[in-house]
Amino acid sequence: NYRDPAKPAFATLTFKGGGDATAAGRAVMETGEFDYAWNLQLAPDVIA
């Protein structure tokens, strides 16, 4: 019943919690397991 009949584009959403910032960053930028990782409180060289 969302007000825009064409949205959202995604049929389902998985919101995983837990682990640590390192694992979250890797899951998006290295393995591609997840689409979005929040609050990557990591050292700059790790992000690079």
ModelCIF file with pLDDT and N, C-alpha, C, O atoms, coordinates in Angstrom:
data_MODEL
#
_entry.id   MODEL 
#
_entity.id                         1 
_entity.type                       polymer 
_entity.pdbx_number_of_molecules   1 
#
_entity_poly.entity_id                      1 
_entity_poly.type                           'polypeptide(L)' 
_entity_poly.nstd_linkage                   no 
_entity_poly.nstd_monomer                   no 
_entity_poly.pdbx_seq_one_letter_code       NYRDPAKPAFATLTFKGGGDATAAGRAVMETGEFDYAWNLQLAPDVIA 
_entity_poly.pdbx_seq_one_letter_code_can   NYRDPAKPAFATLTFKGGGDATAAGRAVMETGEFDYAWNLQLAPDVIA 
_entity_poly.pdbx_strand_id                 A 
#
loop_
_entity_poly_seq.entity_id 
_entity_poly_seq.num 
_entity_poly_seq.mon_id 
_entity_poly_seq.hetero 
1 1  ASN n 
1 2  TYR n 
1 3  ARG n 
1 4  ASP n 
1 5  PRO n 
1 6  ALA n 
1 7  LYS n 
1 8  PRO n 
1 9  ALA n 
1 10 PHE n 
1 11 ALA n 
1 12 THR n 
1 13 LEU n 
1 14 THR n 
1 15 PHE n 
1 16 LYS n 
1 17 GLY n 
1 18 GLY n 
1 19 GLY n 
1 20 ASP n 
1 21 ALA n 
1 22 THR n 
1 23 ALA n 
1 24 ALA n 
1 25 GLY n 
1 26 ARG n 
1 27 ALA n 
1 28 VAL n 
1 29 MET n 
1 30 GLU n 
1 31 THR n 
1 32 GLY n 
1 33 GLU n 
1 34 PHE n 
1 35 ASP n 
1 36 TYR n 
1 37 ALA n 
1 38 TRP n 
1 39 ASN n 
1 40 LEU n 
1 41 GLN n 
1 42 LEU n 
1 43 ALA n 
1 44 PRO n 
1 45 ASP n 
1 46 VAL n 
1 47 ILE n 
1 48 ALA n 
#
_struct_asym.id          A 
_struct_asym.entity_id   1 
#
loop_
_ma_qa_metric.id 
_ma_qa_metric.mode 
_ma_qa_metric.name 
_ma_qa_metric.software_group_id 
_ma_qa_metric.type 
1 global pLDDT . pLDDT 
2 local  pLDDT . pLDDT 
#
_ma_qa_metric_global.metric_id      1 
_ma_qa_metric_global.metric_value   94.94 
_ma_qa_metric_global.model_id       1 
_ma_qa_metric_global.ordinal_id     1 
#
loop_
_ma_qa_metric_local.label_asym_id 
_ma_qa_metric_local.label_comp_id 
_ma_qa_metric_local.label_seq_id 
_ma_qa_metric_local.metric_id 
_ma_qa_metric_local.metric_value 
_ma_qa_metric_local.model_id 
_ma_qa_metric_local.ordinal_id 
A ASN 1  2 98.00 1 1  
A TYR 2  2 98.00 1 2  
A ARG 3  2 97.00 1 3  
A ASP 4  2 97.00 1 4  
A PRO 5  2 96.00 1 5  
A ALA 6  2 96.00 1 6  
A LYS 7  2 98.00 1 7  
A PRO 8  2 98.00 1 8  
A ALA 9  2 98.00 1 9  
A PHE 10 2 98.00 1 10 
A ALA 11 2 98.00 1 11 
A THR 12 2 98.00 1 12 
A LEU 13 2 98.00 1 13 
A THR 14 2 98.00 1 14 
A PHE 15 2 98.00 1 15 
A LYS 16 2 98.00 1 16 
A GLY 17 2 95.00 1 17 
A GLY 18 2 92.00 1 18 
A GLY 19 2 91.00 1 19 
A ASP 20 2 92.00 1 20 
A ALA 21 2 92.00 1 21 
A THR 22 2 94.00 1 22 
A ALA 23 2 96.00 1 23 
A ALA 24 2 97.00 1 24 
A GLY 25 2 97.00 1 25 
A ARG 26 2 97.00 1 26 
A ALA 27 2 98.00 1 27 
A VAL 28 2 98.00 1 28 
A MET 29 2 98.00 1 29 
A GLU 30 2 97.00 1 30 
A THR 31 2 97.00 1 31 
A GLY 32 2 97.00 1 32 
A GLU 33 2 97.00 1 33 
A PHE 34 2 98.00 1 34 
A ASP 35 2 98.00 1 35 
A TYR 36 2 98.00 1 36 
A ALA 37 2 98.00 1 37 
A TRP 38 2 96.00 1 38 
A ASN 39 2 92.00 1 39 
A LEU 40 2 93.00 1 40 
A GLN 41 2 86.00 1 41 
A LEU 42 2 87.00 1 42 
A ALA 43 2 81.00 1 43 
A PRO 44 2 82.00 1 44 
A ASP 45 2 87.00 1 45 
A VAL 46 2 91.00 1 46 
A ILE 47 2 92.00 1 47 
A ALA 48 2 91.00 1 48 
#
loop_
_atom_site.group_PDB 
_atom_site.id 
_atom_site.type_symbol 
_atom_site.label_atom_id 
_atom_site.label_alt_id 
_atom_site.label_comp_id 
_atom_site.label_asym_id 
_atom_site.label_entity_id 
_atom_site.label_seq_id 
_atom_site.pdbx_PDB_ins_code 
_atom_site.Cartn_x 
_atom_site.Cartn_y 
_atom_site.Cartn_z 
_atom_site.occupancy 
_atom_site.B_iso_or_equiv 
_atom_site.pdbx_formal_charge 
_atom_site.auth_seq_id 
_atom_site.auth_comp_id 
_atom_site.auth_asym_id 
_atom_site.auth_atom_id 
_atom_site.pdbx_PDB_model_num 
ATOM 1   N N  . ASN A 1 1  ? 0.817  -1.221  0.000  1.00 98.00 ? 1  ASN A N  1 
ATOM 2   C CA . ASN A 1 1  ? 0.000  0.000   0.000  1.00 98.00 ? 1  ASN A CA 1 
ATOM 3   C C  . ASN A 1 1  ? 0.845  1.263   0.000  1.00 98.00 ? 1  ASN A C  1 
ATOM 4   O O  . ASN A 1 1  ? 0.368  2.336   0.369  1.00 98.00 ? 1  ASN A O  1 
ATOM 5   N N  . TYR A 1 2  ? 2.113  1.134   -0.419 1.00 98.00 ? 2  TYR A N  1 
ATOM 6   C CA . TYR A 1 2  ? 2.971  2.316   -0.466 1.00 98.00 ? 2  TYR A CA 1 
ATOM 7   C C  . TYR A 1 2  ? 2.419  3.319   -1.478 1.00 98.00 ? 2  TYR A C  1 
ATOM 8   O O  . TYR A 1 2  ? 1.865  2.931   -2.507 1.00 98.00 ? 2  TYR A O  1 
ATOM 9   N N  . ARG A 1 3  ? 2.572  4.606   -1.183 1.00 97.00 ? 3  ARG A N  1 
ATOM 10  C CA . ARG A 1 3  ? 1.889  5.655   -1.946 1.00 97.00 ? 3  ARG A CA 1 
ATOM 11  C C  . ARG A 1 3  ? 2.340  5.763   -3.405 1.00 97.00 ? 3  ARG A C  1 
ATOM 12  O O  . ARG A 1 3  ? 1.586  6.250   -4.247 1.00 97.00 ? 3  ARG A O  1 
ATOM 13  N N  . ASP A 1 4  ? 3.559  5.313   -3.711 1.00 97.00 ? 4  ASP A N  1 
ATOM 14  C CA . ASP A 1 4  ? 4.019  5.304   -5.106 1.00 97.00 ? 4  ASP A CA 1 
ATOM 15  C C  . ASP A 1 4  ? 3.892  3.880   -5.629 1.00 97.00 ? 4  ASP A C  1 
ATOM 16  O O  . ASP A 1 4  ? 4.610  2.997   -5.160 1.00 97.00 ? 4  ASP A O  1 
ATOM 17  N N  . PRO A 1 5  ? 3.006  3.628   -6.577 1.00 96.00 ? 5  PRO A N  1 
ATOM 18  C CA . PRO A 1 5  ? 2.744  2.250   -7.027 1.00 96.00 ? 5  PRO A CA 1 
ATOM 19  C C  . PRO A 1 5  ? 3.937  1.587   -7.702 1.00 96.00 ? 5  PRO A C  1 
ATOM 20  O O  . PRO A 1 5  ? 3.950  0.365   -7.846 1.00 96.00 ? 5  PRO A O  1 
ATOM 21  N N  . ALA A 1 6  ? 4.937  2.356   -8.118 1.00 96.00 ? 6  ALA A N  1 
ATOM 22  C CA . ALA A 1 6  ? 6.107  1.773   -8.776 1.00 96.00 ? 6  ALA A CA 1 
ATOM 23  C C  . ALA A 1 6  ? 7.258  1.509   -7.801 1.00 96.00 ? 6  ALA A C  1 
ATOM 24  O O  . ALA A 1 6  ? 8.292  0.971   -8.199 1.00 96.00 ? 6  ALA A O  1 
ATOM 25  N N  . LYS A 1 7  ? 7.090  1.882   -6.532 1.00 98.00 ? 7  LYS A N  1 
ATOM 26  C CA . LYS A 1 7  ? 8.168  1.744   -5.561 1.00 98.00 ? 7  LYS A CA 1 
ATOM 27  C C  . LYS A 1 7  ? 7.681  0.947   -4.340 1.00 98.00 ? 7  LYS A C  1 
ATOM 28  O O  . LYS A 1 7  ? 6.486  0.914   -4.046 1.00 98.00 ? 7  LYS A O  1 
ATOM 29  N N  . PRO A 1 8  ? 8.620  0.309   -3.639 1.00 98.00 ? 8  PRO A N  1 
ATOM 30  C CA . PRO A 1 8  ? 10.053 0.222   -3.914 1.00 98.00 ? 8  PRO A CA 1 
ATOM 31  C C  . PRO A 1 8  ? 10.363 -0.758  -5.030 1.00 98.00 ? 8  PRO A C  1 
ATOM 32  O O  . PRO A 1 8  ? 9.547  -1.623  -5.350 1.00 98.00 ? 8  PRO A O  1 
ATOM 33  N N  . ALA A 1 9  ? 11.544 -0.624  -5.624 1.00 98.00 ? 9  ALA A N  1 
ATOM 34  C CA . ALA A 1 9  ? 11.948 -1.520  -6.700 1.00 98.00 ? 9  ALA A CA 1 
ATOM 35  C C  . ALA A 1 9  ? 12.224 -2.927  -6.183 1.00 98.00 ? 9  ALA A C  1 
ATOM 36  O O  . ALA A 1 9  ? 12.116 -3.901  -6.929 1.00 98.00 ? 9  ALA A O  1 
ATOM 37  N N  . PHE A 1 10 ? 12.583 -3.030  -4.897 1.00 98.00 ? 10 PHE A N  1 
ATOM 38  C CA . PHE A 1 10 ? 12.937 -4.334  -4.341 1.00 98.00 ? 10 PHE A CA 1 
ATOM 39  C C  . PHE A 1 10 ? 11.722 -4.998  -3.703 1.00 98.00 ? 10 PHE A C  1 
ATOM 40  O O  . PHE A 1 10 ? 10.967 -4.370  -2.961 1.00 98.00 ? 10 PHE A O  1 
ATOM 41  N N  . ALA A 1 11 ? 11.553 -6.285  -4.012 1.00 98.00 ? 11 ALA A N  1 
ATOM 42  C CA . ALA A 1 11 ? 10.431 -7.052  -3.467 1.00 98.00 ? 11 ALA A CA 1 
ATOM 43  C C  . ALA A 1 11 ? 10.654 -7.401  -2.011 1.00 98.00 ? 11 ALA A C  1 
ATOM 44  O O  . ALA A 1 11 ? 9.709  -7.460  -1.224 1.00 98.00 ? 11 ALA A O  1 
ATOM 45  N N  . THR A 1 12 ? 11.910 -7.633  -1.654 1.00 98.00 ? 12 THR A N  1 
ATOM 46  C CA . THR A 1 12 ? 12.226 -8.005  -0.286 1.00 98.00 ? 12 THR A CA 1 
ATOM 47  C C  . THR A 1 12 ? 13.484 -7.276  0.170  1.00 98.00 ? 12 THR A C  1 
ATOM 48  O O  . THR A 1 12 ? 14.277 -6.798  -0.641 1.00 98.00 ? 12 THR A O  1 
ATOM 49  N N  . LEU A 1 13 ? 13.644 -7.205  1.485  1.00 98.00 ? 13 LEU A N  1 
ATOM 50  C CA . LEU A 1 13 ? 14.802 -6.562  2.079  1.00 98.00 ? 13 LEU A CA 1 
ATOM 51  C C  . LEU A 1 13 ? 15.273 -7.402  3.261  1.00 98.00 ? 13 LEU A C  1 
ATOM 52  O O  . LEU A 1 13 ? 14.481 -7.809  4.111  1.00 98.00 ? 13 LEU A O  1 
ATOM 53  N N  . THR A 1 14 ? 16.570 -7.651  3.294  1.00 98.00 ? 14 THR A N  1 
ATOM 54  C CA . THR A 1 14 ? 17.183 -8.353  4.418  1.00 98.00 ? 14 THR A CA 1 
ATOM 55  C C  . THR A 1 14 ? 18.055 -7.358  5.175  1.00 98.00 ? 14 THR A C  1 
ATOM 56  O O  . THR A 1 14 ? 18.937 -6.724  4.597  1.00 98.00 ? 14 THR A O  1 
ATOM 57  N N  . PHE A 1 15 ? 17.798 -7.232  6.464  1.00 98.00 ? 15 PHE A N  1 
ATOM 58  C CA . PHE A 1 15 ? 18.542 -6.292  7.304  1.00 98.00 ? 15 PHE A CA 1 
ATOM 59  C C  . PHE A 1 15 ? 19.296 -7.114  8.343  1.00 98.00 ? 15 PHE A C  1 
ATOM 60  O O  . PHE A 1 15 ? 18.714 -7.566  9.329  1.00 98.00 ? 15 PHE A O  1 
ATOM 61  N N  . LYS A 1 16 ? 20.588 -7.303  8.116  1.00 98.00 ? 16 LYS A N  1 
ATOM 62  C CA . LYS A 1 16 ? 21.399 -8.125  9.019  1.00 98.00 ? 16 LYS A CA 1 
ATOM 63  C C  . LYS A 1 16 ? 22.092 -7.233  10.035 1.00 98.00 ? 16 LYS A C  1 
ATOM 64  O O  . LYS A 1 16 ? 22.645 -6.190  9.686  1.00 98.00 ? 16 LYS A O  1 
ATOM 65  N N  . GLY A 1 17 ? 22.058 -7.653  11.304 1.00 95.00 ? 17 GLY A N  1 
ATOM 66  C CA . GLY A 1 17 ? 22.728 -6.922  12.353 1.00 95.00 ? 17 GLY A CA 1 
ATOM 67  C C  . GLY A 1 17 ? 23.779 -7.767  13.028 1.00 95.00 ? 17 GLY A C  1 
ATOM 68  O O  . GLY A 1 17 ? 23.716 -8.996  13.011 1.00 95.00 ? 17 GLY A O  1 
ATOM 69  N N  . GLY A 1 18 ? 24.757 -7.091  13.629 1.00 92.00 ? 18 GLY A N  1 
ATOM 70  C CA . GLY A 1 18 ? 25.777 -7.807  14.376 1.00 92.00 ? 18 GLY A CA 1 
ATOM 71  C C  . GLY A 1 18 ? 27.101 -7.897  13.644 1.00 92.00 ? 18 GLY A C  1 
ATOM 72  O O  . GLY A 1 18 ? 27.259 -7.379  12.538 1.00 92.00 ? 18 GLY A O  1 
ATOM 73  N N  . GLY A 1 19 ? 28.050 -8.568  14.287 1.00 91.00 ? 19 GLY A N  1 
ATOM 74  C CA . GLY A 1 19 ? 29.389 -8.660  13.726 1.00 91.00 ? 19 GLY A CA 1 
ATOM 75  C C  . GLY A 1 19 ? 30.201 -7.439  14.100 1.00 91.00 ? 19 GLY A C  1 
ATOM 76  O O  . GLY A 1 19 ? 30.088 -6.922  15.211 1.00 91.00 ? 19 GLY A O  1 
ATOM 77  N N  . ASP A 1 20 ? 31.020 -6.980  13.164 1.00 92.00 ? 20 ASP A N  1 
ATOM 78  C CA . ASP A 1 20 ? 31.814 -5.783  13.415 1.00 92.00 ? 20 ASP A CA 1 
ATOM 79  C C  . ASP A 1 20 ? 31.939 -4.979  12.132 1.00 92.00 ? 20 ASP A C  1 
ATOM 80  O O  . ASP A 1 20 ? 31.549 -5.434  11.056 1.00 92.00 ? 20 ASP A O  1 
ATOM 81  N N  . ALA A 1 21 ? 32.490 -3.772  12.262 1.00 92.00 ? 21 ALA A N  1 
ATOM 82  C CA . ALA A 1 21 ? 32.572 -2.872  11.114 1.00 92.00 ? 21 ALA A CA 1 
ATOM 83  C C  . ALA A 1 21 ? 33.452 -3.444  10.012 1.00 92.00 ? 21 ALA A C  1 
ATOM 84  O O  . ALA A 1 21 ? 33.185 -3.226  8.830  1.00 92.00 ? 21 ALA A O  1 
ATOM 85  N N  . THR A 1 22 ? 34.490 -4.167  10.384 1.00 94.00 ? 22 THR A N  1 
ATOM 86  C CA . THR A 1 22 ? 35.379 -4.756  9.377  1.00 94.00 ? 22 THR A CA 1 
ATOM 87  C C  . THR A 1 22 ? 34.631 -5.761  8.517  1.00 94.00 ? 22 THR A C  1 
ATOM 88  O O  . THR A 1 22 ? 34.703 -5.709  7.289  1.00 94.00 ? 22 THR A O  1 
ATOM 89  N N  . ALA A 1 23 ? 33.915 -6.674  9.156  1.00 96.00 ? 23 ALA A N  1 
ATOM 90  C CA . ALA A 1 23 ? 33.158 -7.684  8.416  1.00 96.00 ? 23 ALA A CA 1 
ATOM 91  C C  . ALA A 1 23 ? 32.089 -7.037  7.537  1.00 96.00 ? 23 ALA A C  1 
ATOM 92  O O  . ALA A 1 23 ? 31.846 -7.487  6.418  1.00 96.00 ? 23 ALA A O  1 
ATOM 93  N N  . ALA A 1 24 ? 31.448 -5.977  8.048  1.00 97.00 ? 24 ALA A N  1 
ATOM 94  C CA . ALA A 1 24 ? 30.408 -5.294  7.277  1.00 97.00 ? 24 ALA A CA 1 
ATOM 95  C C  . ALA A 1 24 ? 30.994 -4.649  6.026  1.00 97.00 ? 24 ALA A C  1 
ATOM 96  O O  . ALA A 1 24 ? 30.437 -4.775  4.935  1.00 97.00 ? 24 ALA A O  1 
ATOM 97  N N  . GLY A 1 25 ? 32.124 -3.954  6.189  1.00 97.00 ? 25 GLY A N  1 
ATOM 98  C CA . GLY A 1 25 ? 32.758 -3.323  5.035  1.00 97.00 ? 25 GLY A CA 1 
ATOM 99  C C  . GLY A 1 25 ? 33.179 -4.327  3.988  1.00 97.00 ? 25 GLY A C  1 
ATOM 100 O O  . GLY A 1 25 ? 32.979 -4.104  2.793  1.00 97.00 ? 25 GLY A O  1 
ATOM 101 N N  . ARG A 1 26 ? 33.758 -5.426  4.421  1.00 97.00 ? 26 ARG A N  1 
ATOM 102 C CA . ARG A 1 26 ? 34.184 -6.471  3.479  1.00 97.00 ? 26 ARG A CA 1 
ATOM 103 C C  . ARG A 1 26 ? 32.995 -7.081  2.746  1.00 97.00 ? 26 ARG A C  1 
ATOM 104 O O  . ARG A 1 26 ? 33.082 -7.397  1.559  1.00 97.00 ? 26 ARG A O  1 
ATOM 105 N N  . ALA A 1 27 ? 31.881 -7.244  3.463  1.00 98.00 ? 27 ALA A N  1 
ATOM 106 C CA . ALA A 1 27 ? 30.710 -7.885  2.879  1.00 98.00 ? 27 ALA A CA 1 
ATOM 107 C C  . ALA A 1 27 ? 30.135 -7.084  1.715  1.00 98.00 ? 27 ALA A C  1 
ATOM 108 O O  . ALA A 1 27 ? 29.465 -7.643  0.847  1.00 98.00 ? 27 ALA A O  1 
ATOM 109 N N  . VAL A 1 28 ? 30.394 -5.774  1.693  1.00 98.00 ? 28 VAL A N  1 
ATOM 110 C CA . VAL A 1 28 ? 29.931 -4.938  0.578  1.00 98.00 ? 28 VAL A CA 1 
ATOM 111 C C  . VAL A 1 28 ? 31.029 -4.723  -0.453 1.00 98.00 ? 28 VAL A C  1 
ATOM 112 O O  . VAL A 1 28 ? 30.807 -4.928  -1.646 1.00 98.00 ? 28 VAL A O  1 
ATOM 113 N N  . MET A 1 29 ? 32.203 -4.315  -0.007 1.00 98.00 ? 29 MET A N  1 
ATOM 114 C CA . MET A 1 29 ? 33.237 -3.866  -0.951 1.00 98.00 ? 29 MET A CA 1 
ATOM 115 C C  . MET A 1 29 ? 34.170 -4.968  -1.449 1.00 98.00 ? 29 MET A C  1 
ATOM 116 O O  . MET A 1 29 ? 34.818 -4.799  -2.482 1.00 98.00 ? 29 MET A O  1 
ATOM 117 N N  . GLU A 1 30 ? 34.252 -6.096  -0.731 1.00 97.00 ? 30 GLU A N  1 
ATOM 118 C CA . GLU A 1 30 ? 35.155 -7.161  -1.162 1.00 97.00 ? 30 GLU A CA 1 
ATOM 119 C C  . GLU A 1 30 ? 34.418 -8.396  -1.670 1.00 97.00 ? 30 GLU A C  1 
ATOM 120 O O  . GLU A 1 30 ? 34.729 -8.902  -2.748 1.00 97.00 ? 30 GLU A O  1 
ATOM 121 N N  . THR A 1 31 ? 33.446 -8.883  -0.903 1.00 97.00 ? 31 THR A N  1 
ATOM 122 C CA . THR A 1 31 ? 32.763 -10.118 -1.307 1.00 97.00 ? 31 THR A CA 1 
ATOM 123 C C  . THR A 1 31 ? 31.468 -9.861  -2.077 1.00 97.00 ? 31 THR A C  1 
ATOM 124 O O  . THR A 1 31 ? 31.014 -10.728 -2.824 1.00 97.00 ? 31 THR A O  1 
ATOM 125 N N  . GLY A 1 32 ? 30.876 -8.695  -1.907 1.00 97.00 ? 32 GLY A N  1 
ATOM 126 C CA . GLY A 1 32 ? 29.620 -8.390  -2.593 1.00 97.00 ? 32 GLY A CA 1 
ATOM 127 C C  . GLY A 1 32 ? 28.423 -9.115  -2.013 1.00 97.00 ? 32 GLY A C  1 
ATOM 128 O O  . GLY A 1 32 ? 27.385 -9.220  -2.666 1.00 97.00 ? 32 GLY A O  1 
ATOM 129 N N  . GLU A 1 33 ? 28.554 -9.618  -0.792 1.00 97.00 ? 33 GLU A N  1 
ATOM 130 C CA . GLU A 1 33 ? 27.470 -10.371 -0.171 1.00 97.00 ? 33 GLU A CA 1 
ATOM 131 C C  . GLU A 1 33 ? 26.297 -9.477  0.212  1.00 97.00 ? 33 GLU A C  1 
ATOM 132 O O  . GLU A 1 33 ? 25.144 -9.908  0.193  1.00 97.00 ? 33 GLU A O  1 
ATOM 133 N N  . PHE A 1 34 ? 26.608 -8.206  0.566  1.00 98.00 ? 34 PHE A N  1 
ATOM 134 C CA . PHE A 1 34 ? 25.569 -7.254  0.948  1.00 98.00 ? 34 PHE A CA 1 
ATOM 135 C C  . PHE A 1 34 ? 25.621 -6.030  0.048  1.00 98.00 ? 34 PHE A C  1 
ATOM 136 O O  . PHE A 1 34 ? 26.621 -5.765  -0.618 1.00 98.00 ? 34 PHE A O  1 
ATOM 137 N N  . ASP A 1 35 ? 24.507 -5.287  0.045  1.00 98.00 ? 35 ASP A N  1 
ATOM 138 C CA . ASP A 1 35 ? 24.386 -4.112  -0.814 1.00 98.00 ? 35 ASP A CA 1 
ATOM 139 C C  . ASP A 1 35 ? 24.735 -2.807  -0.116 1.00 98.00 ? 35 ASP A C  1 
ATOM 140 O O  . ASP A 1 35 ? 25.166 -1.854  -0.765 1.00 98.00 ? 35 ASP A O  1 
ATOM 141 N N  . TYR A 1 36 ? 24.551 -2.751  1.207  1.00 98.00 ? 36 TYR A N  1 
ATOM 142 C CA . TYR A 1 36 ? 24.789 -1.497  1.922  1.00 98.00 ? 36 TYR A CA 1 
ATOM 143 C C  . TYR A 1 36 ? 25.330 -1.806  3.308  1.00 98.00 ? 36 TYR A C  1 
ATOM 144 O O  . TYR A 1 36 ? 24.777 -2.637  4.029  1.00 98.00 ? 36 TYR A O  1 
ATOM 145 N N  . ALA A 1 37 ? 26.413 -1.132  3.676  1.00 98.00 ? 37 ALA A N  1 
ATOM 146 C CA . ALA A 1 37 ? 27.011 -1.278  5.008  1.00 98.00 ? 37 ALA A CA 1 
ATOM 147 C C  . ALA A 1 37 ? 27.090 0.092   5.655  1.00 98.00 ? 37 ALA A C  1 
ATOM 148 O O  . ALA A 1 37 ? 27.574 1.049   5.051  1.00 98.00 ? 37 ALA A O  1 
ATOM 149 N N  . TRP A 1 38 ? 26.615 0.177   6.878  1.00 96.00 ? 38 TRP A N  1 
ATOM 150 C CA . TRP A 1 38 ? 26.490 1.438   7.613  1.00 96.00 ? 38 TRP A CA 1 
ATOM 151 C C  . TRP A 1 38 ? 27.640 1.643   8.579  1.00 96.00 ? 38 TRP A C  1 
ATOM 152 O O  . TRP A 1 38 ? 28.168 0.684   9.141  1.00 96.00 ? 38 TRP A O  1 
ATOM 153 N N  . ASN A 1 39 ? 28.028 2.904   8.773  1.00 92.00 ? 39 ASN A N  1 
ATOM 154 C CA . ASN A 1 39 ? 28.901 3.312   9.864  1.00 92.00 ? 39 ASN A CA 1 
ATOM 155 C C  . ASN A 1 39 ? 30.193 2.496   9.914  1.00 92.00 ? 39 ASN A C  1 
ATOM 156 O O  . ASN A 1 39 ? 30.454 1.783   10.882 1.00 92.00 ? 39 ASN A O  1 
ATOM 157 N N  . LEU A 1 40 ? 30.989 2.614   8.862  1.00 93.00 ? 40 LEU A N  1 
ATOM 158 C CA . LEU A 1 40 ? 32.239 1.856   8.797  1.00 93.00 ? 40 LEU A CA 1 
ATOM 159 C C  . LEU A 1 40 ? 33.319 2.584   9.591  1.00 93.00 ? 40 LEU A C  1 
ATOM 160 O O  . LEU A 1 40 ? 34.186 3.268   9.046  1.00 93.00 ? 40 LEU A O  1 
ATOM 161 N N  . GLN A 1 41 ? 33.220 2.403   10.897 1.00 86.00 ? 41 GLN A N  1 
ATOM 162 C CA . GLN A 1 41 ? 34.131 3.050   11.833 1.00 86.00 ? 41 GLN A CA 1 
ATOM 163 C C  . GLN A 1 41 ? 35.454 2.289   11.824 1.00 86.00 ? 41 GLN A C  1 
ATOM 164 O O  . GLN A 1 41 ? 35.749 1.501   12.722 1.00 86.00 ? 41 GLN A O  1 
ATOM 165 N N  . LEU A 1 42 ? 36.238 2.550   10.782 1.00 87.00 ? 42 LEU A N  1 
ATOM 166 C CA . LEU A 1 42 ? 37.485 1.822   10.535 1.00 87.00 ? 42 LEU A CA 1 
ATOM 167 C C  . LEU A 1 42 ? 38.597 2.795   10.174 1.00 87.00 ? 42 LEU A C  1 
ATOM 168 O O  . LEU A 1 42 ? 38.347 3.921   9.745  1.00 87.00 ? 42 LEU A O  1 
ATOM 169 N N  . ALA A 1 43 ? 39.814 2.340   10.355 1.00 81.00 ? 43 ALA A N  1 
ATOM 170 C CA . ALA A 1 43 ? 40.962 3.166   9.999  1.00 81.00 ? 43 ALA A CA 1 
ATOM 171 C C  . ALA A 1 43 ? 40.991 3.403   8.488  1.00 81.00 ? 43 ALA A C  1 
ATOM 172 O O  . ALA A 1 43 ? 40.557 2.542   7.722  1.00 81.00 ? 43 ALA A O  1 
ATOM 173 N N  . PRO A 1 44 ? 41.496 4.557   8.053  1.00 82.00 ? 44 PRO A N  1 
ATOM 174 C CA . PRO A 1 44 ? 41.483 4.913   6.626  1.00 82.00 ? 44 PRO A CA 1 
ATOM 175 C C  . PRO A 1 44 ? 42.165 3.885   5.722  1.00 82.00 ? 44 PRO A C  1 
ATOM 176 O O  . PRO A 1 44 ? 41.671 3.619   4.626  1.00 82.00 ? 44 PRO A O  1 
ATOM 177 N N  . ASP A 1 45 ? 43.284 3.303   6.151  1.00 87.00 ? 45 ASP A N  1 
ATOM 178 C CA . ASP A 1 45 ? 43.971 2.334   5.301  1.00 87.00 ? 45 ASP A CA 1 
ATOM 179 C C  . ASP A 1 45 ? 43.147 1.068   5.123  1.00 87.00 ? 45 ASP A C  1 
ATOM 180 O O  . ASP A 1 45 ? 43.238 0.407   4.088  1.00 87.00 ? 45 ASP A O  1 
ATOM 181 N N  . VAL A 1 46 ? 42.345 0.727   6.124  1.00 91.00 ? 46 VAL A N  1 
ATOM 182 C CA . VAL A 1 46 ? 41.479 -0.447  6.024  1.00 91.00 ? 46 VAL A CA 1 
ATOM 183 C C  . VAL A 1 46 ? 40.399 -0.209  4.975  1.00 91.00 ? 46 VAL A C  1 
ATOM 184 O O  . VAL A 1 46 ? 40.117 -1.086  4.158  1.00 91.00 ? 46 VAL A O  1 
ATOM 185 N N  . ILE A 1 47 ? 39.796 0.978   4.997  1.00 92.00 ? 47 ILE A N  1 
ATOM 186 C CA . ILE A 1 47 ? 38.778 1.329   4.003  1.00 92.00 ? 47 ILE A CA 1 
ATOM 187 C C  . ILE A 1 47 ? 39.381 1.276   2.595  1.00 92.00 ? 47 ILE A C  1 
ATOM 188 O O  . ILE A 1 47 ? 38.745 0.774   1.668  1.00 92.00 ? 47 ILE A O  1 
ATOM 189 N N  . ALA A 1 48 ? 40.593 1.788   2.435  1.00 91.00 ? 48 ALA A N  1 
ATOM 190 C CA . ALA A 1 48 ? 41.243 1.817   1.125  1.00 91.00 ? 48 ALA A CA 1 
ATOM 191 C C  . ALA A 1 48 ? 41.453 0.405   0.589  1.00 91.00 ? 48 ALA A C  1 
ATOM 192 O O  . ALA A 1 48 ? 41.989 0.234   -0.506 1.00 91.00 ? 48 ALA A O  1 
#
